[in-house]
Amino acid sequence: MTYKIKYTRSSAQDIRNMKEYILRTFKYRELGERFTEKMKVATSKLKTFPKGYGTIDFQYRGYDIYLKPYRTYLFFYIVDEANATVTILRVLQDGMNWKFILKRWLEEKQ
């Protein structure tokens, strides 16, 4: 089975913020564009085996949240088997206090 990848507004904004940081800091557009492509490639691998990563102790709307590390980034996502969809909830950097950020974000979404 092949899953469709969807992004929440928050995860899309996370990626945009990281790209803008790269553009502001390094002033090199190609580096920013490559970053966006790398993020797409990382998530596209979830199309075939999304449950290959572990879950964390949080749920989103009744779904277990999975964590996929990629380089220095952490992808948080859910898998909807009935609709064959993977939804990327957030993309954070591994040095962030991701448990606090995710808990606060989930509280806002309820």
Protein backbone atom coordinates (compact mmCIF):
# COMPACT_ATOMS: atom_id res chain seq x y z
CA MET A 1 0.00 0.00 0.00
CA THR A 2 1.17 3.52 -0.77
CA TYR A 3 0.16 6.32 1.58
CA LYS A 4 -0.55 9.92 0.67
CA ILE A 5 1.48 12.56 2.54
CA LYS A 6 -0.33 15.59 3.97
CA TYR A 7 1.02 18.51 5.98
CA THR A 8 -0.73 20.47 8.70
CA ARG A 9 -0.42 24.25 8.59
CA SER A 10 1.93 24.01 11.57
CA SER A 11 4.32 21.57 9.89
CA ALA A 12 4.35 23.60 6.67
CA GLN A 13 5.09 26.72 8.74
CA ASP A 14 7.87 24.87 10.59
CA ILE A 15 9.56 24.09 7.28
CA ARG A 16 9.05 27.64 5.98
CA ASN A 17 10.56 29.09 9.18
CA MET A 18 13.62 26.86 8.87
CA LYS A 19 14.05 27.78 5.22
CA GLU A 20 13.72 31.51 6.00
CA TYR A 21 16.34 31.14 8.72
CA ILE A 22 18.71 29.54 6.21
CA LEU A 23 18.07 32.32 3.69
CA ARG A 24 18.52 35.10 6.28
CA THR A 25 21.59 33.59 7.88
CA PHE A 26 23.48 32.27 4.86
CA LYS A 27 21.98 34.50 2.14
CA TYR A 28 22.17 31.64 -0.30
CA ARG A 29 18.92 30.82 -2.10
CA GLU A 30 20.07 27.51 -3.52
CA LEU A 31 20.82 26.24 -0.02
CA GLY A 32 17.27 27.12 1.04
CA GLU A 33 15.77 25.39 -2.00
CA ARG A 34 17.84 22.26 -1.37
CA PHE A 35 16.63 22.28 2.23
CA THR A 36 13.00 22.23 1.08
CA GLU A 37 13.72 19.37 -1.34
CA LYS A 38 15.48 17.37 1.38
CA MET A 39 12.45 17.76 3.63
CA LYS A 40 10.16 16.50 0.86
CA VAL A 41 12.43 13.51 0.20
CA ALA A 42 12.52 12.66 3.92
CA THR A 43 8.73 12.67 4.19
CA SER A 44 8.19 10.87 0.88
CA LYS A 45 9.88 7.80 2.36
CA LEU A 46 6.91 7.51 4.71
CA LYS A 47 4.69 6.66 1.73
CA THR A 48 5.62 2.98 1.80
CA PHE A 49 6.29 2.08 5.44
CA PRO A 50 5.10 4.82 7.80
CA LYS A 51 4.83 2.58 10.86
CA GLY A 52 8.52 1.72 10.64
CA TYR A 53 9.30 4.35 13.29
CA GLY A 54 8.39 4.44 16.96
CA THR A 55 5.53 6.23 18.61
CA ILE A 56 5.80 8.79 21.39
CA ASP A 57 3.60 9.19 24.48
CA PHE A 58 1.25 11.67 22.81
CA GLN A 59 -1.85 11.25 20.69
CA TYR A 60 -3.53 13.54 18.19
CA ARG A 61 -7.29 13.12 17.75
CA GLY A 62 -7.08 9.50 18.87
CA TYR A 63 -4.10 8.62 16.66
CA ASP A 64 -0.68 7.63 17.98
CA ILE A 65 2.01 10.13 17.05
CA TYR A 66 5.09 8.70 15.36
CA LEU A 67 8.57 10.23 15.44
CA LYS A 68 10.92 10.04 12.46
CA PRO A 69 14.39 11.51 12.98
CA TYR A 70 16.11 12.87 9.89
CA ARG A 71 19.54 14.46 10.24
CA THR A 72 19.01 17.18 12.86
CA TYR A 73 15.23 17.31 12.38
CA LEU A 74 12.33 15.45 13.95
CA PHE A 75 9.16 14.69 12.01
CA PHE A 76 6.03 14.08 14.08
CA TYR A 77 3.19 12.44 12.20
CA ILE A 78 0.09 10.27 12.39
CA VAL A 79 -1.01 7.38 10.19
CA ASP A 80 -4.63 7.03 9.08
CA GLU A 81 -4.94 3.47 7.79
CA ALA A 82 -8.56 3.88 6.67
CA ASN A 83 -7.66 6.73 4.31
CA ALA A 84 -4.07 5.57 3.58
CA THR A 85 -2.77 8.96 4.71
CA VAL A 86 0.27 10.12 6.65
CA THR A 87 -0.18 13.58 8.15
CA ILE A 88 2.94 15.46 9.18
CA LEU A 89 1.98 17.36 12.33
CA ARG A 90 5.19 19.20 13.18
CA VAL A 91 8.83 19.39 12.07
CA LEU A 92 11.21 20.43 14.84
CA GLN A 93 14.95 20.53 15.33
CA ASP A 94 16.39 17.86 17.59
CA GLY A 95 17.91 20.39 20.04
CA MET A 96 14.49 21.86 20.84
CA ASN A 97 12.45 20.86 23.86
CA TRP A 98 10.12 18.95 21.55
CA LYS A 99 8.03 17.38 24.33
CA PHE A 100 7.11 20.81 25.71
CA ILE A 101 6.47 22.27 22.24
CA LEU A 102 4.35 19.32 21.13
CA LYS A 103 2.38 19.19 24.38
CA ARG A 104 1.57 22.90 24.14
CA TRP A 105 0.64 22.56 20.44
CA LEU A 106 -1.67 19.61 21.17
CA GLU A 107 -3.38 21.54 23.98
CA GLU A 108 -4.10 24.37 21.54
CA LYS A 109 -5.61 21.93 19.03
CA GLN A 110 -8.17 20.49 21.47
